[in-house]
Amino acid sequence: MVDYSIVLIGFMGTGKSTVAKVLSKQLNLELIDTDKSIEKKTGLTISEIFEKYGEKGFRDIETDIIKDLKDKKEKIISCGGGVCLRDENIKNLKTNHRVILLEASARVILERIKDDDTRPILKDKTDIESVEMIMKRRKASYQKCADLIIDTDEKSVEKIVDEIIEKLNIK
């Protein structure tokens, strides 16, 4: 089927976790969620890690997880929203993997995450201007990392999964 892993990246609320679950079932590949791997490794929630160690501490742990995954093949890997902020992560993600950037508009992202208080990057910043500002800061990093970009606005999960499979030419 595929001799690489499929990595989903993108801003929070673009559908990475949801799409990864359906994609892994459809392709019968193991799903790895990097945020869940971080929580399992540390015994702390993402919010607790941010509170205790700050964003840098979280990113250090995330980088270790990504390094451990660089040689894994035939997996679906769902990454946290800021994974591409470090060049080392980009390099490791592009080794043996196809990296899919899921995008959505700030309006759609806010609608999807409005009731979720587990996102430390947006703590006290759940307005469209804040989301747009963070998205703008990350855009170049996302695009540098991506092999393929999929817009998730107004699309069903099934449509997004079908588009990924079609564009990667998976039989």
N, C-alpha and C. Protein backbone atom coordinates (compact mmCIF):
# COMPACT_ATOMS: atom_id res chain seq x y z
N MET A 1 0.83 -1.20 0.00
CA MET A 1 0.00 0.00 0.00
C MET A 1 0.88 1.26 0.00
N VAL A 2 1.41 1.65 1.14
CA VAL A 2 2.33 2.79 1.21
C VAL A 2 3.57 2.35 1.98
N ASP A 3 4.73 2.87 1.57
CA ASP A 3 5.97 2.53 2.28
C ASP A 3 6.49 3.76 3.03
N TYR A 4 5.56 4.58 3.46
CA TYR A 4 5.87 5.78 4.23
C TYR A 4 4.75 5.99 5.23
N SER A 5 4.94 6.94 6.12
CA SER A 5 3.85 7.34 7.02
C SER A 5 3.21 8.60 6.48
N ILE A 6 1.94 8.78 6.79
CA ILE A 6 1.21 9.98 6.42
C ILE A 6 1.09 10.84 7.68
N VAL A 7 1.62 12.05 7.59
CA VAL A 7 1.64 12.96 8.73
C VAL A 7 0.66 14.10 8.47
N LEU A 8 -0.20 14.37 9.45
CA LEU A 8 -1.13 15.49 9.34
C LEU A 8 -0.65 16.62 10.24
N ILE A 9 -0.50 17.79 9.63
CA ILE A 9 -0.10 19.00 10.36
C ILE A 9 -1.14 20.08 10.09
N GLY A 10 -1.07 21.15 10.86
CA GLY A 10 -1.95 22.29 10.64
C GLY A 10 -2.33 22.94 11.96
N PHE A 11 -2.97 24.06 11.86
CA PHE A 11 -3.39 24.81 13.03
C PHE A 11 -4.46 24.02 13.78
N MET A 12 -4.59 24.29 15.06
CA MET A 12 -5.63 23.63 15.85
C MET A 12 -6.99 23.87 15.22
N GLY A 13 -7.84 22.87 15.28
CA GLY A 13 -9.18 23.02 14.75
C GLY A 13 -9.31 22.78 13.25
N THR A 14 -8.22 22.38 12.60
CA THR A 14 -8.32 22.12 11.15
C THR A 14 -8.80 20.72 10.85
N GLY A 15 -8.88 19.87 11.88
CA GLY A 15 -9.42 18.53 11.69
C GLY A 15 -8.40 17.40 11.74
N LYS A 16 -7.18 17.69 12.17
CA LYS A 16 -6.12 16.67 12.14
C LYS A 16 -6.50 15.39 12.88
N SER A 17 -6.93 15.50 14.11
CA SER A 17 -7.24 14.30 14.92
C SER A 17 -8.40 13.51 14.32
N THR A 18 -9.44 14.20 13.93
CA THR A 18 -10.62 13.54 13.38
C THR A 18 -10.30 12.87 12.04
N VAL A 19 -9.62 13.59 11.17
CA VAL A 19 -9.25 13.03 9.87
C VAL A 19 -8.29 11.85 10.05
N ALA A 20 -7.35 11.98 10.98
CA ALA A 20 -6.38 10.90 11.22
C ALA A 20 -7.08 9.60 11.63
N LYS A 21 -8.09 9.70 12.48
CA LYS A 21 -8.82 8.50 12.93
C LYS A 21 -9.48 7.79 11.75
N VAL A 22 -10.18 8.55 10.92
CA VAL A 22 -10.88 7.96 9.78
C VAL A 22 -9.88 7.43 8.75
N LEU A 23 -8.83 8.19 8.49
CA LEU A 23 -7.81 7.77 7.53
C LEU A 23 -7.11 6.49 7.98
N SER A 24 -6.82 6.39 9.27
CA SER A 24 -6.14 5.17 9.76
C SER A 24 -7.04 3.95 9.64
N LYS A 25 -8.33 4.13 9.90
CA LYS A 25 -9.28 3.01 9.74
C LYS A 25 -9.41 2.62 8.28
N GLN A 26 -9.55 3.61 7.42
CA GLN A 26 -9.76 3.32 6.01
C GLN A 26 -8.54 2.64 5.38
N LEU A 27 -7.33 3.05 5.78
CA LEU A 27 -6.12 2.47 5.21
C LEU A 27 -5.57 1.31 6.05
N ASN A 28 -6.24 1.05 7.18
CA ASN A 28 -5.81 0.00 8.10
C ASN A 28 -4.35 0.19 8.55
N LEU A 29 -4.04 1.43 8.94
CA LEU A 29 -2.71 1.78 9.44
C LEU A 29 -2.82 2.27 10.89
N GLU A 30 -1.79 1.99 11.67
CA GLU A 30 -1.77 2.43 13.07
C GLU A 30 -1.79 3.96 13.15
N LEU A 31 -2.55 4.46 14.10
CA LEU A 31 -2.65 5.90 14.34
C LEU A 31 -1.76 6.29 15.52
N ILE A 32 -0.95 7.31 15.31
CA ILE A 32 -0.14 7.88 16.38
C ILE A 32 -0.49 9.36 16.49
N ASP A 33 -0.96 9.78 17.64
CA ASP A 33 -1.27 11.17 17.92
C ASP A 33 -0.13 11.70 18.79
N THR A 34 0.63 12.66 18.27
CA THR A 34 1.83 13.11 19.01
C THR A 34 1.47 13.75 20.34
N ASP A 35 0.36 14.48 20.41
CA ASP A 35 -0.03 15.07 21.69
C ASP A 35 -0.34 13.98 22.73
N LYS A 36 -1.02 12.92 22.30
CA LYS A 36 -1.30 11.81 23.22
C LYS A 36 -0.02 11.10 23.62
N SER A 37 0.92 10.99 22.69
CA SER A 37 2.23 10.39 23.01
C SER A 37 2.97 11.23 24.05
N ILE A 38 2.88 12.54 23.91
CA ILE A 38 3.52 13.45 24.88
C ILE A 38 2.88 13.28 26.25
N GLU A 39 1.55 13.23 26.29
CA GLU A 39 0.85 13.06 27.57
C GLU A 39 1.20 11.73 28.22
N LYS A 40 1.28 10.68 27.40
CA LYS A 40 1.63 9.36 27.93
C LYS A 40 3.06 9.36 28.47
N LYS A 41 3.98 9.97 27.75
CA LYS A 41 5.39 10.00 28.15
C LYS A 41 5.59 10.78 29.45
N THR A 42 4.85 11.88 29.61
CA THR A 42 5.06 12.75 30.77
C THR A 42 4.11 12.49 31.92
N GLY A 43 2.97 11.85 31.65
CA GLY A 43 1.95 11.67 32.67
C GLY A 43 1.20 12.96 32.98
N LEU A 44 1.34 13.95 32.09
CA LEU A 44 0.69 15.26 32.27
C LEU A 44 -0.14 15.59 31.03
N THR A 45 -1.17 16.41 31.21
CA THR A 45 -1.92 16.90 30.06
C THR A 45 -1.09 17.98 29.37
N ILE A 46 -1.45 18.29 28.14
CA ILE A 46 -0.75 19.35 27.41
C ILE A 46 -0.83 20.66 28.20
N SER A 47 -2.01 20.98 28.72
CA SER A 47 -2.16 22.22 29.52
C SER A 47 -1.24 22.22 30.73
N GLU A 48 -1.14 21.07 31.42
CA GLU A 48 -0.27 20.98 32.59
C GLU A 48 1.20 21.15 32.21
N ILE A 49 1.59 20.60 31.06
CA ILE A 49 2.97 20.76 30.59
C ILE A 49 3.26 22.24 30.33
N PHE A 50 2.34 22.93 29.66
CA PHE A 50 2.51 24.36 29.39
C PHE A 50 2.61 25.15 30.69
N GLU A 51 1.76 24.81 31.66
CA GLU A 51 1.80 25.51 32.96
C GLU A 51 3.11 25.26 33.70
N LYS A 52 3.57 24.03 33.69
CA LYS A 52 4.74 23.64 34.47
C LYS A 52 6.07 24.00 33.79
N TYR A 53 6.13 23.79 32.46
CA TYR A 53 7.40 23.95 31.74
C TYR A 53 7.39 25.04 30.68
N GLY A 54 6.22 25.63 30.43
CA GLY A 54 6.11 26.65 29.40
C GLY A 54 6.10 26.04 28.01
N GLU A 55 5.95 26.91 27.02
CA GLU A 55 5.89 26.41 25.65
C GLU A 55 7.20 25.78 25.22
N LYS A 56 8.34 26.34 25.63
CA LYS A 56 9.63 25.77 25.25
C LYS A 56 9.78 24.35 25.78
N GLY A 57 9.39 24.12 27.02
CA GLY A 57 9.46 22.78 27.58
C GLY A 57 8.60 21.80 26.82
N PHE A 58 7.40 22.25 26.47
CA PHE A 58 6.51 21.41 25.66
C PHE A 58 7.15 21.09 24.31
N ARG A 59 7.68 22.12 23.64
CA ARG A 59 8.28 21.93 22.32
C ARG A 59 9.48 20.98 22.38
N ASP A 60 10.25 21.03 23.47
CA ASP A 60 11.39 20.11 23.62
C ASP A 60 10.92 18.66 23.67
N ILE A 61 9.86 18.41 24.42
CA ILE A 61 9.29 17.06 24.52
C ILE A 61 8.74 16.64 23.15
N GLU A 62 8.03 17.56 22.50
CA GLU A 62 7.46 17.29 21.19
C GLU A 62 8.56 16.92 20.18
N THR A 63 9.68 17.63 20.23
CA THR A 63 10.80 17.36 19.32
C THR A 63 11.35 15.96 19.55
N ASP A 64 11.44 15.53 20.81
CA ASP A 64 11.91 14.17 21.12
C ASP A 64 10.96 13.12 20.52
N ILE A 65 9.65 13.37 20.64
CA ILE A 65 8.65 12.45 20.10
C ILE A 65 8.78 12.36 18.58
N ILE A 66 8.91 13.51 17.91
CA ILE A 66 9.03 13.55 16.45
C ILE A 66 10.30 12.81 16.00
N LYS A 67 11.38 13.01 16.74
CA LYS A 67 12.63 12.32 16.43
C LYS A 67 12.43 10.80 16.49
N ASP A 68 11.69 10.34 17.50
CA ASP A 68 11.42 8.91 17.65
C ASP A 68 10.56 8.35 16.50
N LEU A 69 9.78 9.21 15.87
CA LEU A 69 8.86 8.77 14.82
C LEU A 69 9.44 8.86 13.41
N LYS A 70 10.62 9.47 13.27
CA LYS A 70 11.11 9.78 11.92
C LYS A 70 11.32 8.55 11.04
N ASP A 71 11.64 7.41 11.63
CA ASP A 71 11.86 6.21 10.82
C ASP A 71 10.67 5.27 10.78
N LYS A 72 9.57 5.66 11.40
CA LYS A 72 8.36 4.82 11.40
C LYS A 72 7.70 4.91 10.03
N LYS A 73 7.32 3.75 9.51
CA LYS A 73 6.64 3.71 8.22
C LYS A 73 5.28 3.07 8.40
N GLU A 74 4.40 3.35 7.43
CA GLU A 74 3.05 2.78 7.40
C GLU A 74 2.26 3.12 8.65
N LYS A 75 2.29 4.38 9.04
CA LYS A 75 1.54 4.91 10.18
C LYS A 75 0.79 6.15 9.71
N ILE A 76 -0.23 6.50 10.46
CA ILE A 76 -0.88 7.81 10.32
C ILE A 76 -0.47 8.58 11.57
N ILE A 77 0.17 9.73 11.38
CA ILE A 77 0.67 10.51 12.49
C ILE A 77 -0.02 11.86 12.50
N SER A 78 -0.73 12.13 13.59
CA SER A 78 -1.41 13.41 13.78
C SER A 78 -0.57 14.26 14.73
N CYS A 79 -0.17 15.44 14.28
CA CYS A 79 0.73 16.29 15.06
C CYS A 79 0.01 17.48 15.68
N GLY A 80 0.59 18.00 16.74
CA GLY A 80 0.10 19.22 17.36
C GLY A 80 0.28 20.39 16.42
N GLY A 81 -0.47 21.45 16.66
CA GLY A 81 -0.51 22.60 15.77
C GLY A 81 0.79 23.35 15.58
N GLY A 82 1.71 23.27 16.53
CA GLY A 82 2.96 24.02 16.43
C GLY A 82 4.17 23.19 16.08
N VAL A 83 3.96 21.97 15.65
CA VAL A 83 5.08 21.05 15.41
C VAL A 83 6.08 21.59 14.39
N CYS A 84 5.62 22.37 13.42
CA CYS A 84 6.51 22.85 12.36
C CYS A 84 7.27 24.12 12.73
N LEU A 85 7.14 24.55 13.97
CA LEU A 85 7.84 25.76 14.39
C LEU A 85 9.34 25.54 14.56
N ARG A 86 9.76 24.29 14.59
CA ARG A 86 11.19 23.96 14.70
C ARG A 86 11.65 23.27 13.43
N ASP A 87 12.75 23.79 12.85
CA ASP A 87 13.29 23.20 11.62
C ASP A 87 13.66 21.74 11.80
N GLU A 88 14.15 21.37 12.99
CA GLU A 88 14.51 19.98 13.26
C GLU A 88 13.28 19.07 13.10
N ASN A 89 12.13 19.54 13.55
CA ASN A 89 10.90 18.75 13.39
C ASN A 89 10.52 18.62 11.92
N ILE A 90 10.65 19.70 11.19
CA ILE A 90 10.32 19.67 9.76
C ILE A 90 11.21 18.63 9.06
N LYS A 91 12.50 18.68 9.34
CA LYS A 91 13.44 17.73 8.74
C LYS A 91 13.05 16.29 9.09
N ASN A 92 12.76 16.04 10.35
CA ASN A 92 12.41 14.69 10.78
C ASN A 92 11.05 14.24 10.23
N LEU A 93 10.10 15.16 10.12
CA LEU A 93 8.79 14.80 9.57
C LEU A 93 8.87 14.45 8.09
N LYS A 94 9.78 15.08 7.38
CA LYS A 94 9.88 14.84 5.95
C LYS A 94 10.72 13.60 5.62
N THR A 95 11.29 12.95 6.65
CA THR A 95 12.04 11.71 6.46
C THR A 95 11.04 10.54 6.49
N ASN A 96 10.95 9.81 5.41
CA ASN A 96 10.07 8.63 5.32
C ASN A 96 8.59 8.94 5.43
N HIS A 97 8.18 10.17 5.30
CA HIS A 97 6.78 10.54 5.48
C HIS A 97 6.30 11.43 4.34
N ARG A 98 4.97 11.46 4.17
CA ARG A 98 4.31 12.45 3.31
C ARG A 98 3.55 13.34 4.28
N VAL A 99 3.82 14.63 4.21
CA VAL A 99 3.25 15.57 5.17
C VAL A 99 2.10 16.33 4.52
N ILE A 100 0.92 16.20 5.15
CA ILE A 100 -0.30 16.82 4.65
C ILE A 100 -0.67 17.97 5.57
N LEU A 101 -0.75 19.16 5.02
CA LEU A 101 -1.17 20.34 5.78
C LEU A 101 -2.68 20.50 5.62
N LEU A 102 -3.40 20.44 6.74
CA LEU A 102 -4.83 20.71 6.73
C LEU A 102 -5.02 22.17 7.08
N GLU A 103 -5.76 22.88 6.25
CA GLU A 103 -6.02 24.31 6.49
C GLU A 103 -7.51 24.55 6.66
N ALA A 104 -7.81 25.62 7.38
CA ALA A 104 -9.19 26.10 7.54
C ALA A 104 -9.12 27.59 7.79
N SER A 105 -10.22 28.26 7.54
CA SER A 105 -10.27 29.71 7.80
C SER A 105 -10.36 29.94 9.31
N ALA A 106 -9.95 31.12 9.74
CA ALA A 106 -10.02 31.48 11.16
C ALA A 106 -11.45 31.38 11.68
N ARG A 107 -12.40 31.75 10.87
CA ARG A 107 -13.81 31.68 11.26
C ARG A 107 -14.23 30.24 11.55
N VAL A 108 -13.85 29.33 10.66
CA VAL A 108 -14.20 27.91 10.85
C VAL A 108 -13.46 27.34 12.06
N ILE A 109 -12.20 27.68 12.22
CA ILE A 109 -11.43 27.20 13.37
C ILE A 109 -12.09 27.64 14.67
N LEU A 110 -12.44 28.92 14.76
CA LEU A 110 -13.09 29.41 15.98
C LEU A 110 -14.40 28.68 16.26
N GLU A 111 -15.15 28.40 15.23
CA GLU A 111 -16.41 27.68 15.40
C GLU A 111 -16.14 26.26 15.94
N ARG A 112 -15.10 25.62 15.41
CA ARG A 112 -14.78 24.25 15.82
C ARG A 112 -14.23 24.16 17.24
N ILE A 113 -13.50 25.17 17.69
CA ILE A 113 -12.82 25.06 19.00
C ILE A 113 -13.42 25.94 20.08
N LYS A 114 -14.52 26.61 19.80
CA LYS A 114 -15.06 27.60 20.73
C LYS A 114 -15.37 27.06 22.12
N ASP A 115 -15.72 25.80 22.25
CA ASP A 115 -16.05 25.24 23.57
C ASP A 115 -14.93 24.39 24.16
N ASP A 116 -13.75 24.45 23.54
CA ASP A 116 -12.62 23.63 23.98
C ASP A 116 -11.65 24.51 24.78
N ASP A 117 -11.52 24.23 26.07
CA ASP A 117 -10.62 25.04 26.91
C ASP A 117 -9.29 24.33 27.17
N THR A 118 -8.94 23.35 26.33
CA THR A 118 -7.70 22.59 26.53
C THR A 118 -6.58 23.05 25.60
N ARG A 119 -6.70 24.23 25.02
CA ARG A 119 -5.72 24.70 24.04
C ARG A 119 -4.93 25.87 24.60
N PRO A 120 -3.76 25.59 25.18
CA PRO A 120 -3.01 26.64 25.87
C PRO A 120 -2.54 27.79 24.99
N ILE A 121 -2.31 27.56 23.72
CA ILE A 121 -1.86 28.64 22.84
C ILE A 121 -2.93 29.72 22.70
N LEU A 122 -4.20 29.33 22.78
CA LEU A 122 -5.29 30.29 22.63
C LEU A 122 -5.90 30.71 23.96
N LYS A 123 -5.26 30.39 25.05
CA LYS A 123 -5.80 30.76 26.36
C LYS A 123 -6.05 32.27 26.38
N ASP A 124 -7.28 32.64 26.65
CA ASP A 124 -7.72 34.04 26.70
C ASP A 124 -7.56 34.77 25.36
N LYS A 125 -7.47 34.04 24.25
CA LYS A 125 -7.32 34.67 22.93
C LYS A 125 -8.25 34.03 21.92
N THR A 126 -9.50 33.86 22.27
CA THR A 126 -10.41 33.17 21.36
C THR A 126 -11.23 34.14 20.50
N ASP A 127 -10.52 35.11 19.93
CA ASP A 127 -11.17 36.03 18.99
C ASP A 127 -10.51 35.84 17.62
N ILE A 128 -11.20 36.26 16.59
CA ILE A 128 -10.72 36.01 15.23
C ILE A 128 -9.38 36.68 14.95
N GLU A 129 -9.14 37.85 15.51
CA GLU A 129 -7.88 38.56 15.27
C GLU A 129 -6.69 37.78 15.84
N SER A 130 -6.85 37.21 17.04
CA SER A 130 -5.77 36.43 17.65
C SER A 130 -5.48 35.18 16.85
N VAL A 131 -6.53 34.49 16.43
CA VAL A 131 -6.35 33.27 15.64
C VAL A 131 -5.66 33.61 14.32
N GLU A 132 -6.11 34.67 13.65
CA GLU A 132 -5.50 35.07 12.37
C GLU A 132 -4.03 35.44 12.55
N MET A 133 -3.70 36.12 13.65
CA MET A 133 -2.32 36.53 13.91
C MET A 133 -1.41 35.31 14.08
N ILE A 134 -1.85 34.34 14.88
CA ILE A 134 -1.05 33.13 15.11
C ILE A 134 -0.93 32.33 13.81
N MET A 135 -2.02 32.22 13.07
CA MET A 135 -1.99 31.50 11.80
C MET A 135 -1.00 32.16 10.82
N LYS A 136 -1.01 33.47 10.78
CA LYS A 136 -0.11 34.20 9.88
C LYS A 136 1.34 33.96 10.26
N ARG A 137 1.64 33.95 11.57
CA ARG A 137 3.01 33.70 12.04
C ARG A 137 3.48 32.30 11.67
N ARG A 138 2.58 31.35 11.62
CA ARG A 138 2.95 29.95 11.38
C ARG A 138 2.90 29.55 9.91
N LYS A 139 2.29 30.35 9.08
CA LYS A 139 2.01 29.97 7.69
C LYS A 139 3.26 29.50 6.94
N ALA A 140 4.34 30.25 7.00
CA ALA A 140 5.56 29.88 6.26
C ALA A 140 6.12 28.55 6.74
N SER A 141 6.08 28.31 8.05
CA SER A 141 6.57 27.04 8.60
C SER A 141 5.71 25.87 8.12
N TYR A 142 4.40 26.06 8.15
CA TYR A 142 3.50 25.00 7.67
C TYR A 142 3.79 24.69 6.19
N GLN A 143 3.90 25.72 5.38
CA GLN A 143 4.09 25.50 3.95
C GLN A 143 5.45 24.88 3.64
N LYS A 144 6.45 25.23 4.44
CA LYS A 144 7.79 24.65 4.27
C LYS A 144 7.75 23.14 4.55
N CYS A 145 6.92 22.74 5.48
CA CYS A 145 6.84 21.34 5.90
C CYS A 145 5.94 20.50 4.99
N ALA A 146 4.96 21.11 4.38
CA ALA A 146 3.91 20.37 3.67
C ALA A 146 4.33 19.85 2.30
N ASP A 147 3.94 18.60 2.04
CA ASP A 147 4.05 18.03 0.69
C ASP A 147 2.75 18.26 -0.06
N LEU A 148 1.67 18.42 0.69
CA LEU A 148 0.33 18.54 0.11
C LEU A 148 -0.51 19.40 1.05
N ILE A 149 -1.33 20.28 0.48
CA ILE A 149 -2.20 21.15 1.29
C ILE A 149 -3.65 20.85 0.95
N ILE A 150 -4.46 20.64 1.99
CA ILE A 150 -5.88 20.35 1.83
C ILE A 150 -6.68 21.36 2.64
N ASP A 151 -7.61 22.04 1.98
CA ASP A 151 -8.51 22.97 2.66
C ASP A 151 -9.66 22.15 3.26
N THR A 152 -9.91 22.31 4.55
CA THR A 152 -10.96 21.52 5.22
C THR A 152 -12.26 22.30 5.45
N ASP A 153 -12.29 23.57 5.07
CA ASP A 153 -13.51 24.37 5.24
C ASP A 153 -14.68 23.73 4.51
N GLU A 154 -15.80 23.61 5.22
CA GLU A 154 -17.05 23.15 4.62
C GLU A 154 -16.96 21.78 3.94
N LYS A 155 -16.02 20.93 4.38
CA LYS A 155 -15.90 19.59 3.83
C LYS A 155 -16.13 18.57 4.93
N SER A 156 -16.74 17.46 4.57
CA SER A 156 -16.91 16.37 5.52
C SER A 156 -15.57 15.67 5.72
N VAL A 157 -15.45 14.98 6.82
CA VAL A 157 -14.23 14.22 7.10
C VAL A 157 -14.00 13.20 5.99
N GLU A 158 -15.05 12.54 5.55
CA GLU A 158 -14.93 11.54 4.50
C GLU A 158 -14.39 12.16 3.20
N LYS A 159 -14.87 13.34 2.86
CA LYS A 159 -14.40 14.04 1.65
C LYS A 159 -12.91 14.37 1.78
N ILE A 160 -12.49 14.81 2.95
CA ILE A 160 -11.08 15.16 3.18
C ILE A 160 -10.21 13.90 3.05
N VAL A 161 -10.65 12.81 3.67
CA VAL A 161 -9.92 11.54 3.60
C VAL A 161 -9.82 11.08 2.15
N ASP A 162 -10.92 11.12 1.42
CA ASP A 162 -10.91 10.72 0.02
C ASP A 162 -9.93 11.57 -0.79
N GLU A 163 -9.90 12.87 -0.50
CA GLU A 163 -9.00 13.78 -1.21
C GLU A 163 -7.54 13.44 -0.92
N ILE A 164 -7.23 13.12 0.32
CA ILE A 164 -5.85 12.74 0.68
C ILE A 164 -5.45 11.47 -0.07
N ILE A 165 -6.31 10.47 -0.02
CA ILE A 165 -6.01 9.18 -0.68
C ILE A 165 -5.83 9.38 -2.19
N GLU A 166 -6.70 10.19 -2.78
CA GLU A 166 -6.61 10.44 -4.22
C GLU A 166 -5.32 11.19 -4.57
N LYS A 167 -5.01 12.25 -3.82
CA LYS A 167 -3.83 13.06 -4.14
C LYS A 167 -2.52 12.32 -3.85
N LEU A 168 -2.54 11.39 -2.92
CA LEU A 168 -1.34 10.58 -2.66
C LEU A 168 -1.29 9.35 -3.57
N ASN A 169 -2.33 9.17 -4.38
CA ASN A 169 -2.42 8.08 -5.33
C ASN A 169 -2.29 6.72 -4.65
N ILE A 170 -3.04 6.57 -3.54
CA ILE A 170 -3.02 5.31 -2.79
C ILE A 170 -4.10 4.41 -3.37
N LYS A 171 -3.72 3.20 -3.69
CA LYS A 171 -4.68 2.24 -4.26
C LYS A 171 -5.29 1.39 -3.18
